[in-house]
Amino acid sequence: MTAVEQMLAPAQREMIREELLRSLGKLERSLKAAGAAARPRDLEQDTVGRLSRVEALQNAGFTKNLEAREQAQLEQIVAALHRLEDGSYGACNGCGAPIPFERLSIFPETLACSACTRGC
């Protein structure tokens, strides 16, 4: 068991794992719904007014941006789950110190302690 693993009690590790899995499921459902909503639409001039077409294009852009952010967050969560499995979860990528449980419980996918995040 690594020093970082010893810092987290088994109940804390399980709580974080459950939160990561819950977030993963939520993001997967959201990405699936966004994918269905982002399907191309027929924007013929005679069926949709000019402003409606602009709004439809803007909404498609917003949906695409949201999907990109959610995909990035999903990848962070999957990486955190892998770190939980391999024993490296909870170690700061910046300084190597254990990340406090309080921070991990709020940001379970975090890679850095608050000091390294602030750039101190």
PDB file of N, CA and C in Angstrom:
ATOM      1  N   MET A   1       0.849  -1.177   0.000  1.00  0.00           N
ATOM      2  CA  MET A   1       0.000   0.000   0.000  1.00  0.00           C
ATOM      3  C   MET A   1       0.895   1.240   0.000  1.00  0.00           C
ATOM      4  N   THR A   2       0.577   2.196  -0.876  1.00  0.00           N
ATOM      5  CA  THR A   2       1.388   3.411  -0.965  1.00  0.00           C
ATOM      6  C   THR A   2       1.041   4.368   0.168  1.00  0.00           C
ATOM      7  N   ALA A   3       1.914   5.363   0.358  1.00  0.00           N
ATOM      8  CA  ALA A   3       1.681   6.367   1.414  1.00  0.00           C
ATOM      9  C   ALA A   3       0.382   7.119   1.159  1.00  0.00           C
ATOM     10  N   VAL A   4       0.082   7.379  -0.114  1.00  0.00           N
ATOM     11  CA  VAL A   4      -1.150   8.084  -0.463  1.00  0.00           C
ATOM     12  C   VAL A   4      -2.353   7.216  -0.129  1.00  0.00           C
ATOM     13  N   GLU A   5      -2.290   5.934  -0.452  1.00  0.00           N
ATOM     14  CA  GLU A   5      -3.394   5.028  -0.142  1.00  0.00           C
ATOM     15  C   GLU A   5      -3.621   4.940   1.363  1.00  0.00           C
ATOM     16  N   GLN A   6      -2.557   4.986   2.141  1.00  0.00           N
ATOM     17  CA  GLN A   6      -2.683   4.900   3.584  1.00  0.00           C
ATOM     18  C   GLN A   6      -3.369   6.139   4.152  1.00  0.00           C
ATOM     19  N   MET A   7      -3.253   7.287   3.452  1.00  0.00           N
ATOM     20  CA  MET A   7      -3.870   8.518   3.931  1.00  0.00           C
ATOM     21  C   MET A   7      -5.393   8.437   3.866  1.00  0.00           C
ATOM     22  N   LEU A   8      -5.924   7.720   2.885  1.00  0.00           N
ATOM     23  CA  LEU A   8      -7.365   7.585   2.720  1.00  0.00           C
ATOM     24  C   LEU A   8      -7.836   6.288   3.360  1.00  0.00           C
ATOM     25  N   ALA A   9      -8.829   6.391   4.205  1.00  0.00           N
ATOM     26  CA  ALA A   9      -9.425   5.201   4.808  1.00  0.00           C
ATOM     27  C   ALA A   9     -10.206   4.454   3.732  1.00  0.00           C
ATOM     28  N   PRO A  10     -10.368   3.145   3.896  1.00  0.00           N
ATOM     29  CA  PRO A  10     -11.138   2.381   2.905  1.00  0.00           C
ATOM     30  C   PRO A  10     -12.527   2.965   2.653  1.00  0.00           C
ATOM     31  N   ALA A  11     -13.194   3.450   3.687  1.00  0.00           N
ATOM     32  CA  ALA A  11     -14.528   4.041   3.511  1.00  0.00           C
ATOM     33  C   ALA A  11     -14.447   5.319   2.667  1.00  0.00           C
ATOM     34  N   GLN A  12     -13.369   6.089   2.847  1.00  0.00           N
ATOM     35  CA  GLN A  12     -13.189   7.308   2.058  1.00  0.00           C
ATOM     36  C   GLN A  12     -12.928   6.964   0.596  1.00  0.00           C
ATOM     37  N   ARG A  13     -12.090   5.963   0.374  1.00  0.00           N
ATOM     38  CA  ARG A  13     -11.810   5.530  -1.007  1.00  0.00           C
ATOM     39  C   ARG A  13     -13.091   5.055  -1.685  1.00  0.00           C
ATOM     40  N   GLU A  14     -13.909   4.322  -0.959  1.00  0.00           N
ATOM     41  CA  GLU A  14     -15.159   3.813  -1.525  1.00  0.00           C
ATOM     42  C   GLU A  14     -16.130   4.957  -1.808  1.00  0.00           C
ATOM     43  N   MET A  15     -16.182   5.935  -0.921  1.00  0.00           N
ATOM     44  CA  MET A  15     -17.046   7.094  -1.132  1.00  0.00           C
ATOM     45  C   MET A  15     -16.633   7.847  -2.404  1.00  0.00           C
ATOM     46  N   ILE A  16     -15.333   8.019  -2.582  1.00  0.00           N
ATOM     47  CA  ILE A  16     -14.827   8.709  -3.775  1.00  0.00           C
ATOM     48  C   ILE A  16     -15.117   7.880  -5.024  1.00  0.00           C
ATOM     49  N   ARG A  17     -14.909   6.568  -4.947  1.00  0.00           N
ATOM     50  CA  ARG A  17     -15.189   5.692  -6.086  1.00  0.00           C
ATOM     51  C   ARG A  17     -16.666   5.790  -6.489  1.00  0.00           C
ATOM     52  N   GLU A  18     -17.554   5.761  -5.505  1.00  0.00           N
ATOM     53  CA  GLU A  18     -18.986   5.862  -5.790  1.00  0.00           C
ATOM     54  C   GLU A  18     -19.336   7.198  -6.434  1.00  0.00           C
ATOM     55  N   GLU A  19     -18.732   8.277  -5.940  1.00  0.00           N
ATOM     56  CA  GLU A  19     -18.987   9.601  -6.514  1.00  0.00           C
ATOM     57  C   GLU A  19     -18.472   9.676  -7.956  1.00  0.00           C
ATOM     58  N   LEU A  20     -17.294   9.128  -8.196  1.00  0.00           N
ATOM     59  CA  LEU A  20     -16.754   9.111  -9.561  1.00  0.00           C
ATOM     60  C   LEU A  20     -17.651   8.297 -10.485  1.00  0.00           C
ATOM     61  N   LEU A  21     -18.115   7.151 -10.032  1.00  0.00           N
ATOM     62  CA  LEU A  21     -18.995   6.315 -10.861  1.00  0.00           C
ATOM     63  C   LEU A  21     -20.333   7.003 -11.109  1.00  0.00           C
ATOM     64  N   ARG A  22     -20.859   7.688 -10.101  1.00  0.00           N
ATOM     65  CA  ARG A  22     -22.123   8.427 -10.263  1.00  0.00           C
ATOM     66  C   ARG A  22     -21.938   9.544 -11.300  1.00  0.00           C
ATOM     67  N   SER A  23     -20.843  10.271 -11.206  1.00  0.00           N
ATOM     68  CA  SER A  23     -20.559  11.346 -12.169  1.00  0.00           C
ATOM     69  C   SER A  23     -20.347  10.785 -13.566  1.00  0.00           C
ATOM     70  N   LEU A  24     -19.682   9.657 -13.645  1.00  0.00           N
ATOM     71  CA  LEU A  24     -19.442   9.015 -14.938  1.00  0.00           C
ATOM     72  C   LEU A  24     -20.765   8.642 -15.600  1.00  0.00           C
ATOM     73  N   GLY A  25     -21.667   8.045 -14.847  1.00  0.00           N
ATOM     74  CA  GLY A  25     -22.970   7.669 -15.396  1.00  0.00           C
ATOM     75  C   GLY A  25     -23.760   8.872 -15.865  1.00  0.00           C
ATOM     76  N   LYS A  26     -23.727   9.952 -15.070  1.00  0.00           N
ATOM     77  CA  LYS A  26     -24.430  11.176 -15.430  1.00  0.00           C
ATOM     78  C   LYS A  26     -23.888  11.761 -16.738  1.00  0.00           C
ATOM     79  N   LEU A  27     -22.575  11.800 -16.849  1.00  0.00           N
ATOM     80  CA  LEU A  27     -21.961  12.351 -18.065  1.00  0.00           C
ATOM     81  C   LEU A  27     -22.244  11.479 -19.276  1.00  0.00           C
ATOM     82  N   GLU A  28     -22.198  10.173 -19.109  1.00  0.00           N
ATOM     83  CA  GLU A  28     -22.494   9.280 -20.234  1.00  0.00           C
ATOM     84  C   GLU A  28     -23.923   9.489 -20.726  1.00  0.00           C
ATOM     85  N   ARG A  29     -24.879   9.633 -19.798  1.00  0.00           N
ATOM     86  CA  ARG A  29     -26.273   9.883 -20.192  1.00  0.00           C
ATOM     87  C   ARG A  29     -26.398  11.239 -20.891  1.00  0.00           C
ATOM     88  N   SER A  30     -25.718  12.247 -20.363  1.00  0.00           N
ATOM     89  CA  SER A  30     -25.780  13.578 -20.955  1.00  0.00           C
ATOM     90  C   SER A  30     -25.176  13.595 -22.352  1.00  0.00           C
ATOM     91  N   LEU A  31     -24.043  12.914 -22.522  1.00  0.00           N
ATOM     92  CA  LEU A  31     -23.407  12.868 -23.841  1.00  0.00           C
ATOM     93  C   LEU A  31     -24.278  12.117 -24.844  1.00  0.00           C
ATOM     94  N   LYS A  32     -24.940  11.089 -24.388  1.00  0.00           N
ATOM     95  CA  LYS A  32     -25.835  10.337 -25.276  1.00  0.00           C
ATOM     96  C   LYS A  32     -26.999  11.225 -25.721  1.00  0.00           C
ATOM     97  N   ALA A  33     -27.584  11.961 -24.777  1.00  0.00           N
ATOM     98  CA  ALA A  33     -28.689  12.868 -25.102  1.00  0.00           C
ATOM     99  C   ALA A  33     -28.216  14.007 -26.007  1.00  0.00           C
ATOM    100  N   ALA A  34     -27.032  14.536 -25.738  1.00  0.00           N
ATOM    101  CA  ALA A  34     -26.501  15.627 -26.555  1.00  0.00           C
ATOM    102  C   ALA A  34     -26.220  15.149 -27.970  1.00  0.00           C
ATOM    103  N   GLY A  35     -25.759  13.922 -28.093  1.00  0.00           N
ATOM    104  CA  GLY A  35     -25.504  13.369 -29.420  1.00  0.00           C
ATOM    105  C   GLY A  35     -26.769  13.282 -30.250  1.00  0.00           C
ATOM    106  N   ALA A  36     -27.860  12.893 -29.613  1.00  0.00           N
ATOM    107  CA  ALA A  36     -29.136  12.819 -30.323  1.00  0.00           C
ATOM    108  C   ALA A  36     -29.633  14.217 -30.685  1.00  0.00           C
ATOM    109  N   ALA A  37     -29.421  15.184 -29.813  1.00  0.00           N
ATOM    110  CA  ALA A  37     -29.892  16.551 -30.059  1.00  0.00           C
ATOM    111  C   ALA A  37     -29.045  17.259 -31.113  1.00  0.00           C
ATOM    112  N   ALA A  38     -27.820  16.801 -31.311  1.00  0.00           N
ATOM    113  CA  ALA A  38     -26.901  17.485 -32.232  1.00  0.00           C
ATOM    114  C   ALA A  38     -26.990  16.968 -33.661  1.00  0.00           C
ATOM    115  N   ARG A  39     -27.901  16.066 -33.915  1.00  0.00           N
ATOM    116  CA  ARG A  39     -28.033  15.567 -35.293  1.00  0.00           C
ATOM    117  C   ARG A  39     -28.327  16.725 -36.233  1.00  0.00           C
ATOM    118  N   PRO A  40     -27.782  16.665 -37.452  1.00  0.00           N
ATOM    119  CA  PRO A  40     -28.023  17.749 -38.411  1.00  0.00           C
ATOM    120  C   PRO A  40     -29.517  17.903 -38.705  1.00  0.00           C
ATOM    121  N   ARG A  41     -29.914  19.148 -38.855  1.00  0.00           N
ATOM    122  CA  ARG A  41     -31.307  19.440 -39.170  1.00  0.00           C
ATOM    123  C   ARG A  41     -31.375  20.086 -40.542  1.00  0.00           C
ATOM    124  N   ASP A  42     -32.503  19.936 -41.181  1.00  0.00           N
ATOM    125  CA  ASP A  42     -32.749  20.565 -42.465  1.00  0.00           C
ATOM    126  C   ASP A  42     -33.044  22.034 -42.224  1.00  0.00           C
ATOM    127  N   LEU A  43     -32.215  22.895 -42.750  1.00  0.00           N
ATOM    128  CA  LEU A  43     -32.381  24.327 -42.529  1.00  0.00           C
ATOM    129  C   LEU A  43     -32.759  25.044 -43.818  1.00  0.00           C
ATOM    130  N   GLU A  44     -33.707  24.495 -44.545  1.00  0.00           N
ATOM    131  CA  GLU A  44     -34.160  25.097 -45.791  1.00  0.00           C
ATOM    132  C   GLU A  44     -34.727  26.493 -45.536  1.00  0.00           C
ATOM    133  N   GLN A  45     -34.435  27.417 -46.439  1.00  0.00           N
ATOM    134  CA  GLN A  45     -34.898  28.798 -46.306  1.00  0.00           C
ATOM    135  C   GLN A  45     -36.415  28.883 -46.246  1.00  0.00           C
ATOM    136  N   ASP A  46     -37.103  28.077 -47.043  1.00  0.00           N
ATOM    137  CA  ASP A  46     -38.554  28.204 -47.086  1.00  0.00           C
ATOM    138  C   ASP A  46     -39.260  27.539 -45.894  1.00  0.00           C
ATOM    139  N   THR A  47     -38.568  26.703 -45.118  1.00  0.00           N
ATOM    140  CA  THR A  47     -39.217  26.049 -43.984  1.00  0.00           C
ATOM    141  C   THR A  47     -38.862  26.703 -42.653  1.00  0.00           C
ATOM    142  N   VAL A  48     -37.774  27.438 -42.613  1.00  0.00           N
ATOM    143  CA  VAL A  48     -37.357  28.065 -41.364  1.00  0.00           C
ATOM    144  C   VAL A  48     -36.934  29.492 -41.660  1.00  0.00           C
ATOM    145  N   GLY A  49     -37.403  30.432 -40.858  1.00  0.00           N
ATOM    146  CA  GLY A  49     -37.020  31.824 -41.049  1.00  0.00           C
ATOM    147  C   GLY A  49     -35.543  32.037 -40.795  1.00  0.00           C
ATOM    148  N   ARG A  50     -35.038  33.159 -41.275  1.00  0.00           N
ATOM    149  CA  ARG A  50     -33.615  33.453 -41.166  1.00  0.00           C
ATOM    150  C   ARG A  50     -33.145  33.481 -39.714  1.00  0.00           C
ATOM    151  N   LEU A  51     -33.879  34.134 -38.820  1.00  0.00           N
ATOM    152  CA  LEU A  51     -33.474  34.190 -37.414  1.00  0.00           C
ATOM    153  C   LEU A  51     -33.540  32.814 -36.766  1.00  0.00           C
ATOM    154  N   SER A  52     -34.530  32.036 -37.137  1.00  0.00           N
ATOM    155  CA  SER A  52     -34.633  30.688 -36.580  1.00  0.00           C
ATOM    156  C   SER A  52     -33.446  29.834 -37.003  1.00  0.00           C
ATOM    157  N   ARG A  53     -32.989  30.016 -38.236  1.00  0.00           N
ATOM    158  CA  ARG A  53     -31.809  29.267 -38.694  1.00  0.00           C
ATOM    159  C   ARG A  53     -30.582  29.684 -37.905  1.00  0.00           C
ATOM    160  N   VAL A  54     -30.418  30.981 -37.670  1.00  0.00           N
ATOM    161  CA  VAL A  54     -29.271  31.475 -36.902  1.00  0.00           C
ATOM    162  C   VAL A  54     -29.322  30.903 -35.486  1.00  0.00           C
ATOM    163  N   GLU A  55     -30.509  30.925 -34.881  1.00  0.00           N
ATOM    164  CA  GLU A  55     -30.656  30.355 -33.541  1.00  0.00           C
ATOM    165  C   GLU A  55     -30.331  28.869 -33.537  1.00  0.00           C
ATOM    166  N   ALA A  56     -30.781  28.154 -34.551  1.00  0.00           N
ATOM    167  CA  ALA A  56     -30.509  26.720 -34.634  1.00  0.00           C
ATOM    168  C   ALA A  56     -29.008  26.465 -34.759  1.00  0.00           C
ATOM    169  N   LEU A  57     -28.319  27.279 -35.544  1.00  0.00           N
ATOM    170  CA  LEU A  57     -26.873  27.126 -35.695  1.00  0.00           C
ATOM    171  C   LEU A  57     -26.151  27.469 -34.391  1.00  0.00           C
ATOM    172  N   GLN A  58     -26.604  28.518 -33.692  1.00  0.00           N
ATOM    173  CA  GLN A  58     -26.008  28.869 -32.405  1.00  0.00           C
ATOM    174  C   GLN A  58     -26.219  27.755 -31.384  1.00  0.00           C
ATOM    175  N   ASN A  59     -27.418  27.231 -31.341  1.00  0.00           N
ATOM    176  CA  ASN A  59     -27.703  26.137 -30.406  1.00  0.00           C
ATOM    177  C   ASN A  59     -26.839  24.920 -30.710  1.00  0.00           C
ATOM    178  N   ALA A  60     -26.634  24.645 -31.988  1.00  0.00           N
ATOM    179  CA  ALA A  60     -25.775  23.517 -32.360  1.00  0.00           C
ATOM    180  C   ALA A  60     -24.350  23.766 -31.879  1.00  0.00           C
ATOM    181  N   GLY A  61     -23.889  25.021 -31.988  1.00  0.00           N
ATOM    182  CA  GLY A  61     -22.551  25.363 -31.506  1.00  0.00           C
ATOM    183  C   GLY A  61     -22.437  25.233 -29.996  1.00  0.00           C
ATOM    184  N   PHE A  62     -23.452  25.682 -29.275  1.00  0.00           N
ATOM    185  CA  PHE A  62     -23.449  25.553 -27.820  1.00  0.00           C
ATOM    186  C   PHE A  62     -23.440  24.084 -27.416  1.00  0.00           C
ATOM    187  N   THR A  63     -24.242  23.299 -28.113  1.00  0.00           N
ATOM    188  CA  THR A  63     -24.320  21.867 -27.812  1.00  0.00           C
ATOM    189  C   THR A  63     -22.978  21.204 -28.050  1.00  0.00           C
ATOM    190  N   LYS A  64     -22.317  21.591 -29.128  1.00  0.00           N
ATOM    191  CA  LYS A  64     -21.008  21.009 -29.442  1.00  0.00           C
ATOM    192  C   LYS A  64     -19.974  21.379 -28.375  1.00  0.00           C
ATOM    193  N   ASN A  65     -19.993  22.638 -27.919  1.00  0.00           N
ATOM    194  CA  ASN A  65     -19.060  23.074 -26.869  1.00  0.00           C
ATOM    195  C   ASN A  65     -19.325  22.349 -25.560  1.00  0.00           C
ATOM    196  N   LEU A  66     -20.591  22.215 -25.199  1.00  0.00           N
ATOM    197  CA  LEU A  66     -20.953  21.498 -23.986  1.00  0.00           C
ATOM    198  C   LEU A  66     -20.503  20.040 -24.077  1.00  0.00           C
ATOM    199  N   GLU A  67     -20.710  19.445 -25.225  1.00  0.00           N
ATOM    200  CA  GLU A  67     -20.300  18.054 -25.425  1.00  0.00           C
ATOM    201  C   GLU A  67     -18.784  17.903 -25.276  1.00  0.00           C
ATOM    202  N   ALA A  68     -18.016  18.857 -25.792  1.00  0.00           N
ATOM    203  CA  ALA A  68     -16.558  18.800 -25.675  1.00  0.00           C
ATOM    204  C   ALA A  68     -16.127  18.912 -24.212  1.00  0.00           C
ATOM    205  N   ARG A  69     -16.761  19.818 -23.451  1.00  0.00           N
ATOM    206  CA  ARG A  69     -16.436  19.955 -22.020  1.00  0.00           C
ATOM    207  C   ARG A  69     -16.801  18.693 -21.248  1.00  0.00           C
ATOM    208  N   GLU A  70     -17.966  18.132 -21.561  1.00  0.00           N
ATOM    209  CA  GLU A  70     -18.388  16.919 -20.863  1.00  0.00           C
ATOM    210  C   GLU A  70     -17.487  15.743 -21.215  1.00  0.00           C
ATOM    211  N   GLN A  71     -17.039  15.665 -22.458  1.00  0.00           N
ATOM    212  CA  GLN A  71     -16.138  14.591 -22.870  1.00  0.00           C
ATOM    213  C   GLN A  71     -14.810  14.713 -22.134  1.00  0.00           C
ATOM    214  N   ALA A  72     -14.302  15.930 -21.981  1.00  0.00           N
ATOM    215  CA  ALA A  72     -13.049  16.145 -21.248  1.00  0.00           C
ATOM    216  C   ALA A  72     -13.220  15.749 -19.784  1.00  0.00           C
ATOM    217  N   GLN A  73     -14.357  16.115 -19.182  1.00  0.00           N
ATOM    218  CA  GLN A  73     -14.600  15.753 -17.788  1.00  0.00           C
ATOM    219  C   GLN A  73     -14.733  14.240 -17.644  1.00  0.00           C
ATOM    220  N   LEU A  74     -15.382  13.601 -18.602  1.00  0.00           N
ATOM    221  CA  LEU A  74     -15.515  12.147 -18.581  1.00  0.00           C
ATOM    222  C   LEU A  74     -14.137  11.483 -18.598  1.00  0.00           C
ATOM    223  N   GLU A  75     -13.242  11.995 -19.431  1.00  0.00           N
ATOM    224  CA  GLU A  75     -11.893  11.436 -19.506  1.00  0.00           C
ATOM    225  C   GLU A  75     -11.147  11.627 -18.183  1.00  0.00           C
ATOM    226  N   GLN A  76     -11.355  12.767 -17.523  1.00  0.00           N
ATOM    227  CA  GLN A  76     -10.720  13.006 -16.221  1.00  0.00           C
ATOM    228  C   GLN A  76     -11.240  12.023 -15.178  1.00  0.00           C
ATOM    229  N   ILE A  77     -12.519  11.741 -15.213  1.00  0.00           N
ATOM    230  CA  ILE A  77     -13.116  10.814 -14.248  1.00  0.00           C
ATOM    231  C   ILE A  77     -12.616   9.399 -14.490  1.00  0.00           C
ATOM    232  N   VAL A  78     -12.547   8.984 -15.742  1.00  0.00           N
ATOM    233  CA  VAL A  78     -12.029   7.648 -16.057  1.00  0.00           C
ATOM    234  C   VAL A  78     -10.575   7.533 -15.603  1.00  0.00           C
ATOM    235  N   ALA A  79      -9.789   8.580 -15.817  1.00  0.00           N
ATOM    236  CA  ALA A  79      -8.389   8.570 -15.378  1.00  0.00           C
ATOM    237  C   ALA A  79      -8.309   8.482 -13.855  1.00  0.00           C
ATOM    238  N   ALA A  80      -9.197   9.190 -13.146  1.00  0.00           N
ATOM    239  CA  ALA A  80      -9.205   9.124 -11.681  1.00  0.00           C
ATOM    240  C   ALA A  80      -9.548   7.712 -11.209  1.00  0.00           C
ATOM    241  N   LEU A  81     -10.496   7.069 -11.866  1.00  0.00           N
ATOM    242  CA  LEU A  81     -10.848   5.680 -11.513  1.00  0.00           C
ATOM    243  C   LEU A  81      -9.661   4.745 -11.738  1.00  0.00           C
ATOM    244  N   HIS A  82      -8.911   4.965 -12.808  1.00  0.00           N
ATOM    245  CA  HIS A  82      -7.702   4.159 -13.064  1.00  0.00           C
ATOM    246  C   HIS A  82      -6.667   4.391 -11.969  1.00  0.00           C
ATOM    247  N   ARG A  83      -6.511   5.658 -11.555  1.00  0.00           N
ATOM    248  CA  ARG A  83      -5.554   5.954 -10.478  1.00  0.00           C
ATOM    249  C   ARG A  83      -5.981   5.297  -9.163  1.00  0.00           C
ATOM    250  N   LEU A  84      -7.285   5.250  -8.919  1.00  0.00           N
ATOM    251  CA  LEU A  84      -7.779   4.552  -7.721  1.00  0.00           C
ATOM    252  C   LEU A  84      -7.379   3.084  -7.761  1.00  0.00           C
ATOM    253  N   GLU A  85      -7.481   2.481  -8.932  1.00  0.00           N
ATOM    254  CA  GLU A  85      -7.159   1.057  -9.087  1.00  0.00           C
ATOM    255  C   GLU A  85      -5.658   0.783  -8.967  1.00  0.00           C
ATOM    256  N   ASP A  86      -4.832   1.668  -9.538  1.00  0.00           N
ATOM    257  CA  ASP A  86      -3.389   1.387  -9.527  1.00  0.00           C
ATOM    258  C   ASP A  86      -2.665   1.927  -8.292  1.00  0.00           C
ATOM    259  N   GLY A  87      -3.404   2.598  -7.393  1.00  0.00           N
ATOM    260  CA  GLY A  87      -2.800   3.052  -6.144  1.00  0.00           C
ATOM    261  C   GLY A  87      -2.154   4.419  -6.191  1.00  0.00           C
ATOM    262  N   SER A  88      -2.250   5.114  -7.319  1.00  0.00           N
ATOM    263  CA  SER A  88      -1.636   6.437  -7.408  1.00  0.00           C
ATOM    264  C   SER A  88      -2.630   7.562  -7.148  1.00  0.00           C
ATOM    265  N   TYR A  89      -3.873   7.223  -6.872  1.00  0.00           N
ATOM    266  CA  TYR A  89      -4.905   8.235  -6.645  1.00  0.00           C
ATOM    267  C   TYR A  89      -4.606   9.027  -5.372  1.00  0.00           C
ATOM    268  N   GLY A  90      -4.793  10.330  -5.466  1.00  0.00           N
ATOM    269  CA  GLY A  90      -4.642  11.178  -4.293  1.00  0.00           C
ATOM    270  C   GLY A  90      -3.279  11.817  -4.147  1.00  0.00           C
ATOM    271  N   ALA A  91      -2.345  11.492  -5.032  1.00  0.00           N
ATOM    272  CA  ALA A  91      -1.018  12.122  -4.997  1.00  0.00           C
ATOM    273  C   ALA A  91      -1.026  13.315  -5.953  1.00  0.00           C
ATOM    274  N   CYS A  92      -0.525  14.434  -5.485  1.00  0.00           N
ATOM    275  CA  CYS A  92      -0.461  15.646  -6.298  1.00  0.00           C
ATOM    276  C   CYS A  92       0.541  15.456  -7.434  1.00  0.00           C
ATOM    277  N   ASN A  93       0.131  15.788  -8.636  1.00  0.00           N
ATOM    278  CA  ASN A  93       1.041  15.706  -9.782  1.00  0.00           C
ATOM    279  C   ASN A  93       2.126  16.772  -9.727  1.00  0.00           C
ATOM    280  N   GLY A  94       1.891  17.847  -8.987  1.00  0.00           N
ATOM    281  CA  GLY A  94       2.864  18.933  -8.897  1.00  0.00           C
ATOM    282  C   GLY A  94       3.959  18.669  -7.890  1.00  0.00           C
ATOM    283  N   CYS A  95       3.562  18.416  -6.644  1.00  0.00           N
ATOM    284  CA  CYS A  95       4.558  18.280  -5.576  1.00  0.00           C
ATOM    285  C   CYS A  95       4.683  16.851  -5.041  1.00  0.00           C
ATOM    286  N   GLY A  96       3.761  15.984  -5.421  1.00  0.00           N
ATOM    287  CA  GLY A  96       3.815  14.596  -4.977  1.00  0.00           C
ATOM    288  C   GLY A  96       3.217  14.331  -3.610  1.00  0.00           C
ATOM    289  N   ALA A  97       2.807  15.388  -2.923  1.00  0.00           N
ATOM    290  CA  ALA A  97       2.219  15.233  -1.583  1.00  0.00           C
ATOM    291  C   ALA A  97       0.805  14.681  -1.694  1.00  0.00           C
ATOM    292  N   PRO A  98       0.334  14.048  -0.639  1.00  0.00           N
ATOM    293  CA  PRO A  98      -1.056  13.578  -0.647  1.00  0.00           C
ATOM    294  C   PRO A  98      -2.028  14.760  -0.706  1.00  0.00           C
ATOM    295  N   ILE A  99      -3.063  14.616  -1.517  1.00  0.00           N
ATOM    296  CA  ILE A  99      -4.118  15.626  -1.613  1.00  0.00           C
ATOM    297  C   ILE A  99      -5.099  15.354  -0.469  1.00  0.00           C
ATOM    298  N   PRO A 100      -5.440  16.365   0.325  1.00  0.00           N
ATOM    299  CA  PRO A 100      -6.351  16.145   1.453  1.00  0.00           C
ATOM    300  C   PRO A 100      -7.706  15.580   1.007  1.00  0.00           C
ATOM    301  N   PHE A 101      -8.271  14.727   1.836  1.00  0.00           N
ATOM    302  CA  PHE A 101      -9.550  14.094   1.538  1.00  0.00           C
ATOM    303  C   PHE A 101     -10.639  15.131   1.274  1.00  0.00           C
ATOM    304  N   GLU A 102     -10.622  16.220   2.005  1.00  0.00           N
ATOM    305  CA  GLU A 102     -11.634  17.256   1.825  1.00  0.00           C
ATOM    306  C   GLU A 102     -11.643  17.763   0.391  1.00  0.00           C
ATOM    307  N   ARG A 103     -10.463  17.973  -0.183  1.00  0.00           N
ATOM    308  CA  ARG A 103     -10.373  18.425  -1.583  1.00  0.00           C
ATOM    309  C   ARG A 103     -10.820  17.320  -2.528  1.00  0.00           C
ATOM    310  N   LEU A 104     -10.400  16.095  -2.258  1.00  0.00           N
ATOM    311  CA  LEU A 104     -10.784  14.976  -3.116  1.00  0.00           C
ATOM    312  C   LEU A 104     -12.290  14.729  -3.096  1.00  0.00           C
ATOM    313  N   SER A 105     -12.926  14.973  -1.949  1.00  0.00           N
ATOM    314  CA  SER A 105     -14.360  14.750  -1.875  1.00  0.00           C
ATOM    315  C   SER A 105     -15.138  15.796  -2.665  1.00  0.00           C
ATOM    316  N   ILE A 106     -14.559  16.983  -2.841  1.00  0.00           N
ATOM    317  CA  ILE A 106     -15.202  18.039  -3.628  1.00  0.00           C
ATOM    318  C   ILE A 106     -14.846  17.913  -5.102  1.00  0.00           C
ATOM    319  N   PHE A 107     -13.580  17.641  -5.386  1.00  0.00           N
ATOM    320  CA  PHE A 107     -13.073  17.499  -6.756  1.00  0.00           C
ATOM    321  C   PHE A 107     -12.419  16.124  -6.899  1.00  0.00           C
ATOM    322  N   PRO A 108     -13.195  15.054  -6.975  1.00  0.00           N
ATOM    323  CA  PRO A 108     -12.592  13.720  -6.960  1.00  0.00           C
ATOM    324  C   PRO A 108     -11.686  13.417  -8.159  1.00  0.00           C
ATOM    325  N   GLU A 109     -11.822  14.176  -9.243  1.00  0.00           N
ATOM    326  CA  GLU A 109     -10.977  13.923 -10.408  1.00  0.00           C
ATOM    327  C   GLU A 109      -9.714  14.785 -10.418  1.00  0.00           C
ATOM    328  N   THR A 110      -9.492  15.575  -9.355  1.00  0.00           N
ATOM    329  CA  THR A 110      -8.362  16.508  -9.323  1.00  0.00           C
ATOM    330  C   THR A 110      -7.014  15.780  -9.404  1.00  0.00           C
ATOM    331  N   LEU A 111      -6.063  16.485  -9.980  1.00  0.00           N
ATOM    332  CA  LEU A 111      -4.696  15.952 -10.108  1.00  0.00           C
ATOM    333  C   LEU A 111      -3.707  16.679  -9.208  1.00  0.00           C
ATOM    334  N   ALA A 112      -4.164  17.764  -8.561  1.00  0.00           N
ATOM    335  CA  ALA A 112      -3.215  18.592  -7.812  1.00  0.00           C
ATOM    336  C   ALA A 112      -3.819  19.069  -6.496  1.00  0.00           C
ATOM    337  N   CYS A 113      -2.939  19.314  -5.552  1.00  0.00           N
ATOM    338  CA  CYS A 113      -3.361  19.896  -4.279  1.00  0.00           C
ATOM    339  C   CYS A 113      -3.728  21.360  -4.534  1.00  0.00           C
ATOM    340  N   SER A 114      -4.346  21.976  -3.566  1.00  0.00           N
ATOM    341  CA  SER A 114      -4.790  23.361  -3.765  1.00  0.00           C
ATOM    342  C   SER A 114      -3.604  24.317  -3.945  1.00  0.00           C
ATOM    343  N   ALA A 115      -2.500  24.067  -3.259  1.00  0.00           N
ATOM    344  CA  ALA A 115      -1.320  24.942  -3.396  1.00  0.00           C
ATOM    345  C   ALA A 115      -0.770  24.886  -4.822  1.00  0.00           C
ATOM    346  N   CYS A 116      -0.647  23.697  -5.377  1.00  0.00           N
ATOM    347  CA  CYS A 116      -0.130  23.568  -6.746  1.00  0.00           C
ATOM    348  C   CYS A 116      -1.128  24.098  -7.762  1.00  0.00           C
ATOM    349  N   THR A 117      -2.412  23.967  -7.491  1.00  0.00           N
ATOM    350  CA  THR A 117      -3.436  24.510  -8.388  1.00  0.00           C
ATOM    351  C   THR A 117      -3.331  26.028  -8.450  1.00  0.00           C
ATOM    352  N   ARG A 118      -3.071  26.644  -7.307  1.00  0.00           N
ATOM    353  CA  ARG A 118      -2.931  28.105  -7.255  1.00  0.00           C
ATOM    354  C   ARG A 118      -1.593  28.558  -7.821  1.00  0.00           C
ATOM    355  N   GLY A 119      -0.654  27.635  -7.991  1.00  0.00           N
ATOM    356  CA  GLY A 119       0.645  27.992  -8.517  1.00  0.00           C
ATOM    357  C   GLY A 119       1.612  28.491  -7.487  1.00  0.00           C
ATOM    358  N   CYS A 120       1.373  28.136  -6.249  1.00  0.00           N
ATOM    359  CA  CYS A 120       2.258  28.584  -5.145  1.00  0.00           C
ATOM    360  C   CYS A 120       3.537  27.784  -5.104  1.00  0.00           C
TER     361      CYS A 120
END
